[in-house]
Amino acid sequence: MAILYRNQAEWLKRRHPLKRDATALSIEWADGGKLYGIPGGEDQIRMYHPSIYIMDESAFMPHAEACYNAVLPVAQQIIAISSAGPGWFGDQCSR
């Protein structure tokens, strides 16, 4: 996450200052917004109650369906992004 912040335009950094230094897996803004990178696996997700959950390369995540099912009861929005691939995500896309 720190690399995302470092590469922002300076005006964005001034408009949205950080509460503390960003790390490789988290960033927190002074106004209360937070973003966490969660390691794969449905047990990891259960430690959090995300309001928005974003899965990247969902077609290639070994436990994508289990992760989706674990976050479904608590997330207000789920976004799954991926290039084409067979399996659970591909089946969801072809419905």
PDB file of N, CA and C in Angstrom:
ATOM      1  N   MET A   1       0.806  -1.181   0.000  1.00  0.00           N
ATOM      2  CA  MET A   1       0.000   0.000   0.000  1.00  0.00           C
ATOM      3  C   MET A   1       0.861   1.261   0.000  1.00  0.00           C
ATOM      4  N   ALA A   2       1.996   1.186   0.635  1.00  0.00           N
ATOM      5  CA  ALA A   2       2.868   2.358   0.728  1.00  0.00           C
ATOM      6  C   ALA A   2       3.270   2.852  -0.660  1.00  0.00           C
ATOM      7  N   ILE A   3       3.500   1.944  -1.589  1.00  0.00           N
ATOM      8  CA  ILE A   3       3.912   2.347  -2.934  1.00  0.00           C
ATOM      9  C   ILE A   3       2.797   3.109  -3.650  1.00  0.00           C
ATOM     10  N   LEU A   4       1.540   2.743  -3.378  1.00  0.00           N
ATOM     11  CA  LEU A   4       0.420   3.466  -3.978  1.00  0.00           C
ATOM     12  C   LEU A   4       0.406   4.917  -3.512  1.00  0.00           C
ATOM     13  N   TYR A   5       0.638   5.118  -2.228  1.00  0.00           N
ATOM     14  CA  TYR A   5       0.639   6.471  -1.678  1.00  0.00           C
ATOM     15  C   TYR A   5       1.834   7.277  -2.186  1.00  0.00           C
ATOM     16  N   ARG A   6       3.001   6.657  -2.195  1.00  0.00           N
ATOM     17  CA  ARG A   6       4.211   7.371  -2.643  1.00  0.00           C
ATOM     18  C   ARG A   6       4.096   7.856  -4.082  1.00  0.00           C
ATOM     19  N   ASN A   7       3.357   7.127  -4.902  1.00  0.00           N
ATOM     20  CA  ASN A   7       3.247   7.478  -6.315  1.00  0.00           C
ATOM     21  C   ASN A   7       2.063   8.385  -6.643  1.00  0.00           C
ATOM     22  N   GLN A   8       1.362   8.859  -5.641  1.00  0.00           N
ATOM     23  CA  GLN A   8       0.269   9.807  -5.862  1.00  0.00           C
ATOM     24  C   GLN A   8       0.811  11.204  -6.154  1.00  0.00           C
ATOM     25  N   ALA A   9      -0.029  11.992  -6.773  1.00  0.00           N
ATOM     26  CA  ALA A   9       0.310  13.401  -6.990  1.00  0.00           C
ATOM     27  C   ALA A   9       0.355  14.104  -5.629  1.00  0.00           C
ATOM     28  N   GLU A  10       1.207  15.092  -5.517  1.00  0.00           N
ATOM     29  CA  GLU A  10       1.372  15.812  -4.245  1.00  0.00           C
ATOM     30  C   GLU A  10       0.079  16.459  -3.770  1.00  0.00           C
ATOM     31  N   TRP A  11      -0.732  16.964  -4.687  1.00  0.00           N
ATOM     32  CA  TRP A  11      -1.980  17.602  -4.262  1.00  0.00           C
ATOM     33  C   TRP A  11      -2.919  16.607  -3.598  1.00  0.00           C
ATOM     34  N   LEU A  12      -2.899  15.340  -4.037  1.00  0.00           N
ATOM     35  CA  LEU A  12      -3.716  14.309  -3.384  1.00  0.00           C
ATOM     36  C   LEU A  12      -3.200  13.999  -1.982  1.00  0.00           C
ATOM     37  N   LYS A  13      -1.892  13.948  -1.831  1.00  0.00           N
ATOM     38  CA  LYS A  13      -1.311  13.702  -0.509  1.00  0.00           C
ATOM     39  C   LYS A  13      -1.682  14.821   0.464  1.00  0.00           C
ATOM     40  N   ARG A  14      -1.669  16.060  -0.018  1.00  0.00           N
ATOM     41  CA  ARG A  14      -2.037  17.191   0.850  1.00  0.00           C
ATOM     42  C   ARG A  14      -3.527  17.148   1.204  1.00  0.00           C
ATOM     43  N   ARG A  15      -4.338  16.796   0.237  1.00  0.00           N
ATOM     44  CA  ARG A  15      -5.790  16.762   0.467  1.00  0.00           C
ATOM     45  C   ARG A  15      -6.195  15.611   1.382  1.00  0.00           C
ATOM     46  N   HIS A  16      -5.480  14.494   1.297  1.00  0.00           N
ATOM     47  CA  HIS A  16      -5.819  13.301   2.082  1.00  0.00           C
ATOM     48  C   HIS A  16      -4.586  12.802   2.840  1.00  0.00           C
ATOM     49  N   PRO A  17      -4.212  13.496   3.906  1.00  0.00           N
ATOM     50  CA  PRO A  17      -3.019  13.082   4.651  1.00  0.00           C
ATOM     51  C   PRO A  17      -3.240  11.758   5.386  1.00  0.00           C
ATOM     52  N   LEU A  18      -2.133  11.065   5.623  1.00  0.00           N
ATOM     53  CA  LEU A  18      -2.200   9.786   6.323  1.00  0.00           C
ATOM     54  C   LEU A  18      -2.251   9.985   7.836  1.00  0.00           C
ATOM     55  N   LYS A  19      -2.886   9.047   8.509  1.00  0.00           N
ATOM     56  CA  LYS A  19      -2.915   9.051   9.969  1.00  0.00           C
ATOM     57  C   LYS A  19      -1.571   8.582  10.508  1.00  0.00           C
ATOM     58  N   ARG A  20      -0.997   7.595   9.827  1.00  0.00           N
ATOM     59  CA  ARG A  20       0.336   7.059  10.160  1.00  0.00           C
ATOM     60  C   ARG A  20       0.965   6.573   8.867  1.00  0.00           C
ATOM     61  N   ASP A  21       2.230   6.269   8.896  1.00  0.00           N
ATOM     62  CA  ASP A  21       2.925   5.795   7.690  1.00  0.00           C
ATOM     63  C   ASP A  21       2.264   4.531   7.141  1.00  0.00           C
ATOM     64  N   ALA A  22       2.127   4.477   5.836  1.00  0.00           N
ATOM     65  CA  ALA A  22       1.582   3.288   5.182  1.00  0.00           C
ATOM     66  C   ALA A  22       2.604   2.161   5.250  1.00  0.00           C
ATOM     67  N   THR A  23       2.103   0.926   5.255  1.00  0.00           N
ATOM     68  CA  THR A  23       2.968  -0.256   5.228  1.00  0.00           C
ATOM     69  C   THR A  23       2.707  -1.017   3.933  1.00  0.00           C
ATOM     70  N   ALA A  24       3.338  -2.150   3.784  1.00  0.00           N
ATOM     71  CA  ALA A  24       3.139  -2.952   2.579  1.00  0.00           C
ATOM     72  C   ALA A  24       1.704  -3.471   2.480  1.00  0.00           C
ATOM     73  N   LEU A  25       1.025  -3.676   3.627  1.00  0.00           N
ATOM     74  CA  LEU A  25      -0.322  -4.258   3.610  1.00  0.00           C
ATOM     75  C   LEU A  25      -1.423  -3.373   4.170  1.00  0.00           C
ATOM     76  N   SER A  26      -1.112  -2.135   4.560  1.00  0.00           N
ATOM     77  CA  SER A  26      -2.185  -1.287   5.078  1.00  0.00           C
ATOM     78  C   SER A  26      -1.890   0.188   4.875  1.00  0.00           C
ATOM     79  N   ILE A  27      -2.976   0.940   4.782  1.00  0.00           N
ATOM     80  CA  ILE A  27      -2.884   2.389   4.683  1.00  0.00           C
ATOM     81  C   ILE A  27      -4.103   2.956   5.417  1.00  0.00           C
ATOM     82  N   GLU A  28      -3.887   4.019   6.183  1.00  0.00           N
ATOM     83  CA  GLU A  28      -4.964   4.627   6.958  1.00  0.00           C
ATOM     84  C   GLU A  28      -4.853   6.142   6.852  1.00  0.00           C
ATOM     85  N   TRP A  29      -5.959   6.774   6.433  1.00  0.00           N
ATOM     86  CA  TRP A  29      -5.973   8.212   6.257  1.00  0.00           C
ATOM     87  C   TRP A  29      -6.443   8.911   7.523  1.00  0.00           C
ATOM     88  N   ALA A  30      -6.052  10.157   7.690  1.00  0.00           N
ATOM     89  CA  ALA A  30      -6.399  10.940   8.873  1.00  0.00           C
ATOM     90  C   ALA A  30      -7.911  11.122   9.017  1.00  0.00           C
ATOM     91  N   ASP A  31      -8.644  11.115   7.904  1.00  0.00           N
ATOM     92  CA  ASP A  31     -10.096  11.302   7.975  1.00  0.00           C
ATOM     93  C   ASP A  31     -10.865  10.028   8.301  1.00  0.00           C
ATOM     94  N   GLY A  32     -10.155   8.914   8.503  1.00  0.00           N
ATOM     95  CA  GLY A  32     -10.809   7.680   8.940  1.00  0.00           C
ATOM     96  C   GLY A  32     -10.848   6.555   7.933  1.00  0.00           C
ATOM     97  N   GLY A  33     -10.551   6.787   6.669  1.00  0.00           N
ATOM     98  CA  GLY A  33     -10.551   5.716   5.686  1.00  0.00           C
ATOM     99  C   GLY A  33      -9.393   4.759   5.906  1.00  0.00           C
ATOM    100  N   LYS A  34      -9.622   3.471   5.653  1.00  0.00           N
ATOM    101  CA  LYS A  34      -8.593   2.444   5.832  1.00  0.00           C
ATOM    102  C   LYS A  34      -8.641   1.470   4.668  1.00  0.00           C
ATOM    103  N   LEU A  35      -7.489   0.923   4.336  1.00  0.00           N
ATOM    104  CA  LEU A  35      -7.386  -0.098   3.306  1.00  0.00           C
ATOM    105  C   LEU A  35      -6.396  -1.132   3.783  1.00  0.00           C
ATOM    106  N   TYR A  36      -6.811  -2.395   3.794  1.00  0.00           N
ATOM    107  CA  TYR A  36      -5.948  -3.488   4.243  1.00  0.00           C
ATOM    108  C   TYR A  36      -5.792  -4.514   3.142  1.00  0.00           C
ATOM    109  N   GLY A  37      -4.607  -5.022   2.976  1.00  0.00           N
ATOM    110  CA  GLY A  37      -4.355  -6.156   2.111  1.00  0.00           C
ATOM    111  C   GLY A  37      -4.424  -7.403   2.981  1.00  0.00           C
ATOM    112  N   ILE A  38      -5.297  -8.330   2.646  1.00  0.00           N
ATOM    113  CA  ILE A  38      -5.490  -9.538   3.447  1.00  0.00           C
ATOM    114  C   ILE A  38      -4.893 -10.724   2.702  1.00  0.00           C
ATOM    115  N   PRO A  39      -4.024 -11.495   3.357  1.00  0.00           N
ATOM    116  CA  PRO A  39      -3.479 -12.687   2.703  1.00  0.00           C
ATOM    117  C   PRO A  39      -4.610 -13.640   2.309  1.00  0.00           C
ATOM    118  N   GLY A  40      -4.384 -14.462   1.305  1.00  0.00           N
ATOM    119  CA  GLY A  40      -5.398 -15.380   0.817  1.00  0.00           C
ATOM    120  C   GLY A  40      -5.855 -16.393   1.848  1.00  0.00           C
ATOM    121  N   GLY A  41      -7.056 -16.890   1.638  1.00  0.00           N
ATOM    122  CA  GLY A  41      -7.626 -17.914   2.502  1.00  0.00           C
ATOM    123  C   GLY A  41      -8.803 -17.392   3.300  1.00  0.00           C
ATOM    124  N   GLU A  42      -9.867 -18.196   3.343  1.00  0.00           N
ATOM    125  CA  GLU A  42     -11.083 -17.749   4.010  1.00  0.00           C
ATOM    126  C   GLU A  42     -10.908 -17.525   5.508  1.00  0.00           C
ATOM    127  N   ASP A  43      -9.971 -18.229   6.143  1.00  0.00           N
ATOM    128  CA  ASP A  43      -9.738 -18.023   7.575  1.00  0.00           C
ATOM    129  C   ASP A  43      -9.127 -16.650   7.844  1.00  0.00           C
ATOM    130  N   GLN A  44      -8.331 -16.136   6.929  1.00  0.00           N
ATOM    131  CA  GLN A  44      -7.749 -14.806   7.074  1.00  0.00           C
ATOM    132  C   GLN A  44      -8.842 -13.727   7.027  1.00  0.00           C
ATOM    133  N   ILE A  45      -9.789 -13.911   6.125  1.00  0.00           N
ATOM    134  CA  ILE A  45     -10.855 -12.929   5.943  1.00  0.00           C
ATOM    135  C   ILE A  45     -11.743 -12.865   7.173  1.00  0.00           C
ATOM    136  N   ARG A  46     -11.973 -13.980   7.813  1.00  0.00           N
ATOM    137  CA  ARG A  46     -12.860 -14.021   8.976  1.00  0.00           C
ATOM    138  C   ARG A  46     -12.346 -13.188  10.144  1.00  0.00           C
ATOM    139  N   MET A  47     -11.068 -12.809  10.114  1.00  0.00           N
ATOM    140  CA  MET A  47     -10.518 -11.960  11.170  1.00  0.00           C
ATOM    141  C   MET A  47     -10.993 -10.517  11.036  1.00  0.00           C
ATOM    142  N   TYR A  48     -11.559 -10.154   9.890  1.00  0.00           N
ATOM    143  CA  TYR A  48     -11.997  -8.796   9.603  1.00  0.00           C
ATOM    144  C   TYR A  48     -13.492  -8.786   9.292  1.00  0.00           C
ATOM    145  N   HIS A  49     -14.080  -7.633   9.294  1.00  0.00           N
ATOM    146  CA  HIS A  49     -15.464  -7.451   8.855  1.00  0.00           C
ATOM    147  C   HIS A  49     -15.472  -6.318   7.826  1.00  0.00           C
ATOM    148  N   PRO A  50     -15.006  -6.615   6.613  1.00  0.00           N
ATOM    149  CA  PRO A  50     -14.864  -5.548   5.620  1.00  0.00           C
ATOM    150  C   PRO A  50     -16.209  -5.041   5.107  1.00  0.00           C
ATOM    151  N   SER A  51     -16.293  -3.743   4.876  1.00  0.00           N
ATOM    152  CA  SER A  51     -17.499  -3.197   4.259  1.00  0.00           C
ATOM    153  C   SER A  51     -17.421  -3.357   2.739  1.00  0.00           C
ATOM    154  N   ILE A  52     -16.212  -3.300   2.202  1.00  0.00           N
ATOM    155  CA  ILE A  52     -15.992  -3.553   0.770  1.00  0.00           C
ATOM    156  C   ILE A  52     -14.849  -4.567   0.666  1.00  0.00           C
ATOM    157  N   TYR A  53     -15.036  -5.585  -0.153  1.00  0.00           N
ATOM    158  CA  TYR A  53     -14.014  -6.614  -0.339  1.00  0.00           C
ATOM    159  C   TYR A  53     -13.696  -6.700  -1.826  1.00  0.00           C
ATOM    160  N   ILE A  54     -12.415  -6.577  -2.169  1.00  0.00           N
ATOM    161  CA  ILE A  54     -11.983  -6.628  -3.563  1.00  0.00           C
ATOM    162  C   ILE A  54     -11.045  -7.819  -3.731  1.00  0.00           C
ATOM    163  N   MET A  55     -11.381  -8.711  -4.654  1.00  0.00           N
ATOM    164  CA  MET A  55     -10.527  -9.859  -4.964  1.00  0.00           C
ATOM    165  C   MET A  55      -9.869  -9.604  -6.318  1.00  0.00           C
ATOM    166  N   ASP A  56      -8.552  -9.688  -6.370  1.00  0.00           N
ATOM    167  CA  ASP A  56      -7.817  -9.498  -7.616  1.00  0.00           C
ATOM    168  C   ASP A  56      -7.404 -10.859  -8.159  1.00  0.00           C
ATOM    169  N   GLU A  57      -7.499 -11.035  -9.453  1.00  0.00           N
ATOM    170  CA  GLU A  57      -7.202 -12.306 -10.143  1.00  0.00           C
ATOM    171  C   GLU A  57      -7.992 -13.460  -9.518  1.00  0.00           C
ATOM    172  N   SER A  58      -9.285 -13.242  -9.401  1.00  0.00           N
ATOM    173  CA  SER A  58     -10.192 -14.200  -8.759  1.00  0.00           C
ATOM    174  C   SER A  58     -10.203 -15.569  -9.429  1.00  0.00           C
ATOM    175  N   ALA A  59     -10.008 -15.612 -10.739  1.00  0.00           N
ATOM    176  CA  ALA A  59     -10.016 -16.899 -11.446  1.00  0.00           C
ATOM    177  C   ALA A  59      -8.830 -17.771 -11.057  1.00  0.00           C
ATOM    178  N   PHE A  60      -7.802 -17.174 -10.485  1.00  0.00           N
ATOM    179  CA  PHE A  60      -6.598 -17.926 -10.177  1.00  0.00           C
ATOM    180  C   PHE A  60      -6.341 -18.074  -8.681  1.00  0.00           C
ATOM    181  N   MET A  61      -7.266 -17.577  -7.848  1.00  0.00           N
ATOM    182  CA  MET A  61      -7.153 -17.769  -6.399  1.00  0.00           C
ATOM    183  C   MET A  61      -7.596 -19.186  -6.069  1.00  0.00           C
ATOM    184  N   PRO A  62      -6.752 -19.971  -5.394  1.00  0.00           N
ATOM    185  CA  PRO A  62      -7.107 -21.363  -5.109  1.00  0.00           C
ATOM    186  C   PRO A  62      -8.396 -21.514  -4.301  1.00  0.00           C
ATOM    187  N   HIS A  63      -8.693 -20.582  -3.418  1.00  0.00           N
ATOM    188  CA  HIS A  63      -9.869 -20.698  -2.556  1.00  0.00           C
ATOM    189  C   HIS A  63     -10.813 -19.514  -2.753  1.00  0.00           C
ATOM    190  N   ALA A  64     -10.958 -19.059  -3.983  1.00  0.00           N
ATOM    191  CA  ALA A  64     -11.770 -17.864  -4.265  1.00  0.00           C
ATOM    192  C   ALA A  64     -13.219 -18.037  -3.812  1.00  0.00           C
ATOM    193  N   GLU A  65     -13.810 -19.171  -4.099  1.00  0.00           N
ATOM    194  CA  GLU A  65     -15.212 -19.382  -3.718  1.00  0.00           C
ATOM    195  C   GLU A  65     -15.370 -19.386  -2.207  1.00  0.00           C
ATOM    196  N   ALA A  66     -14.462 -20.033  -1.491  1.00  0.00           N
ATOM    197  CA  ALA A  66     -14.528 -20.066  -0.026  1.00  0.00           C
ATOM    198  C   ALA A  66     -14.328 -18.666   0.558  1.00  0.00           C
ATOM    199  N   CYS A  67     -13.432 -17.883  -0.024  1.00  0.00           N
ATOM    200  CA  CYS A  67     -13.224 -16.497   0.425  1.00  0.00           C
ATOM    201  C   CYS A  67     -14.475 -15.669   0.185  1.00  0.00           C
ATOM    202  N   TYR A  68     -15.060 -15.815  -0.974  1.00  0.00           N
ATOM    203  CA  TYR A  68     -16.299 -15.097  -1.301  1.00  0.00           C
ATOM    204  C   TYR A  68     -17.395 -15.452  -0.293  1.00  0.00           C
ATOM    205  N   ASN A  69     -17.569 -16.732  -0.035  1.00  0.00           N
ATOM    206  CA  ASN A  69     -18.600 -17.175   0.900  1.00  0.00           C
ATOM    207  C   ASN A  69     -18.341 -16.682   2.324  1.00  0.00           C
ATOM    208  N   ALA A  70     -17.078 -16.566   2.710  1.00  0.00           N
ATOM    209  CA  ALA A  70     -16.738 -16.094   4.056  1.00  0.00           C
ATOM    210  C   ALA A  70     -17.047 -14.612   4.235  1.00  0.00           C
ATOM    211  N   VAL A  71     -16.881 -13.830   3.195  1.00  0.00           N
ATOM    212  CA  VAL A  71     -17.088 -12.385   3.298  1.00  0.00           C
ATOM    213  C   VAL A  71     -18.523 -11.968   2.949  1.00  0.00           C
ATOM    214  N   LEU A  72     -19.262 -12.812   2.288  1.00  0.00           N
ATOM    215  CA  LEU A  72     -20.615 -12.493   1.828  1.00  0.00           C
ATOM    216  C   LEU A  72     -21.548 -12.002   2.939  1.00  0.00           C
ATOM    217  N   PRO A  73     -21.548 -12.583   4.130  1.00  0.00           N
ATOM    218  CA  PRO A  73     -22.472 -12.110   5.169  1.00  0.00           C
ATOM    219  C   PRO A  73     -22.168 -10.712   5.719  1.00  0.00           C
ATOM    220  N   VAL A  74     -20.950 -10.224   5.570  1.00  0.00           N
ATOM    221  CA  VAL A  74     -20.582  -8.957   6.211  1.00  0.00           C
ATOM    222  C   VAL A  74     -20.291  -7.819   5.243  1.00  0.00           C
ATOM    223  N   ALA A  75     -19.884  -8.097   4.037  1.00  0.00           N
ATOM    224  CA  ALA A  75     -19.500  -7.038   3.097  1.00  0.00           C
ATOM    225  C   ALA A  75     -20.729  -6.408   2.444  1.00  0.00           C
ATOM    226  N   GLN A  76     -20.717  -5.092   2.344  1.00  0.00           N
ATOM    227  CA  GLN A  76     -21.788  -4.389   1.643  1.00  0.00           C
ATOM    228  C   GLN A  76     -21.573  -4.449   0.136  1.00  0.00           C
ATOM    229  N   GLN A  77     -20.306  -4.608  -0.263  1.00  0.00           N
ATOM    230  CA  GLN A  77     -19.983  -4.674  -1.692  1.00  0.00           C
ATOM    231  C   GLN A  77     -18.807  -5.614  -1.885  1.00  0.00           C
ATOM    232  N   ILE A  78     -18.893  -6.478  -2.899  1.00  0.00           N
ATOM    233  CA  ILE A  78     -17.807  -7.385  -3.261  1.00  0.00           C
ATOM    234  C   ILE A  78     -17.472  -7.128  -4.722  1.00  0.00           C
ATOM    235  N   ILE A  79     -16.191  -6.893  -4.984  1.00  0.00           N
ATOM    236  CA  ILE A  79     -15.720  -6.651  -6.346  1.00  0.00           C
ATOM    237  C   ILE A  79     -14.691  -7.730  -6.671  1.00  0.00           C
ATOM    238  N   ALA A  80     -14.949  -8.484  -7.728  1.00  0.00           N
ATOM    239  CA  ALA A  80     -14.017  -9.523  -8.158  1.00  0.00           C
ATOM    240  C   ALA A  80     -13.477  -9.143  -9.538  1.00  0.00           C
ATOM    241  N   ILE A  81     -12.157  -9.123  -9.637  1.00  0.00           N
ATOM    242  CA  ILE A  81     -11.474  -8.713 -10.862  1.00  0.00           C
ATOM    243  C   ILE A  81     -10.588  -9.867 -11.311  1.00  0.00           C
ATOM    244  N   SER A  82     -10.559 -10.154 -12.610  1.00  0.00           N
ATOM    245  CA  SER A  82      -9.666 -11.215 -13.061  1.00  0.00           C
ATOM    246  C   SER A  82      -9.564 -11.247 -14.576  1.00  0.00           C
ATOM    247  N   SER A  83      -8.439 -11.754 -15.043  1.00  0.00           N
ATOM    248  CA  SER A  83      -8.354 -12.138 -16.437  1.00  0.00           C
ATOM    249  C   SER A  83      -9.068 -13.486 -16.539  1.00  0.00           C
ATOM    250  N   ALA A  84      -9.308 -13.952 -17.756  1.00  0.00           N
ATOM    251  CA  ALA A  84     -10.082 -15.173 -17.967  1.00  0.00           C
ATOM    252  C   ALA A  84      -9.358 -16.395 -17.430  1.00  0.00           C
ATOM    253  N   GLY A  85     -10.129 -17.295 -16.859  1.00  0.00           N
ATOM    254  CA  GLY A  85      -9.594 -18.555 -16.366  1.00  0.00           C
ATOM    255  C   GLY A  85     -10.737 -19.479 -15.993  1.00  0.00           C
ATOM    256  N   PRO A  86     -10.495 -20.772 -16.001  1.00  0.00           N
ATOM    257  CA  PRO A  86     -11.556 -21.726 -15.675  1.00  0.00           C
ATOM    258  C   PRO A  86     -11.799 -21.786 -14.156  1.00  0.00           C
ATOM    259  N   GLY A  87     -12.921 -22.375 -13.784  1.00  0.00           N
ATOM    260  CA  GLY A  87     -13.192 -22.592 -12.367  1.00  0.00           C
ATOM    261  C   GLY A  87     -14.359 -21.782 -11.864  1.00  0.00           C
ATOM    262  N   TRP A  88     -14.423 -21.592 -10.557  1.00  0.00           N
ATOM    263  CA  TRP A  88     -15.549 -20.943  -9.901  1.00  0.00           C
ATOM    264  C   TRP A  88     -15.814 -19.547 -10.463  1.00  0.00           C
ATOM    265  N   PHE A  89     -14.787 -18.731 -10.593  1.00  0.00           N
ATOM    266  CA  PHE A  89     -14.986 -17.363 -11.068  1.00  0.00           C
ATOM    267  C   PHE A  89     -15.486 -17.361 -12.517  1.00  0.00           C
ATOM    268  N   GLY A  90     -14.909 -18.189 -13.354  1.00  0.00           N
ATOM    269  CA  GLY A  90     -15.365 -18.293 -14.735  1.00  0.00           C
ATOM    270  C   GLY A  90     -16.818 -18.711 -14.809  1.00  0.00           C
ATOM    271  N   ASP A  91     -17.219 -19.635 -13.947  1.00  0.00           N
ATOM    272  CA  ASP A  91     -18.620 -20.062 -13.907  1.00  0.00           C
ATOM    273  C   ASP A  91     -19.537 -18.905 -13.508  1.00  0.00           C
ATOM    274  N   GLN A  92     -19.097 -18.090 -12.538  1.00  0.00           N
ATOM    275  CA  GLN A  92     -19.891 -16.935 -12.111  1.00  0.00           C
ATOM    276  C   GLN A  92     -20.063 -15.934 -13.244  1.00  0.00           C
ATOM    277  N   CYS A  93     -19.010 -15.750 -14.008  1.00  0.00           N
ATOM    278  CA  CYS A  93     -19.051 -14.770 -15.103  1.00  0.00           C
ATOM    279  C   CYS A  93     -19.943 -15.234 -16.254  1.00  0.00           C
ATOM    280  N   SER A  94     -20.075 -16.539 -16.443  1.00  0.00           N
ATOM    281  CA  SER A  94     -20.869 -17.008 -17.571  1.00  0.00           C
ATOM    282  C   SER A  94     -22.335 -17.244 -17.231  1.00  0.00           C
ATOM    283  N   ARG A  95     -22.728 -16.930 -16.014  1.00  0.00           N
ATOM    284  CA  ARG A  95     -24.159 -17.079 -15.659  1.00  0.00           C
ATOM    285  C   ARG A  95     -25.000 -16.111 -16.418  1.00  0.00           C
TER     286      ARG A  95
END
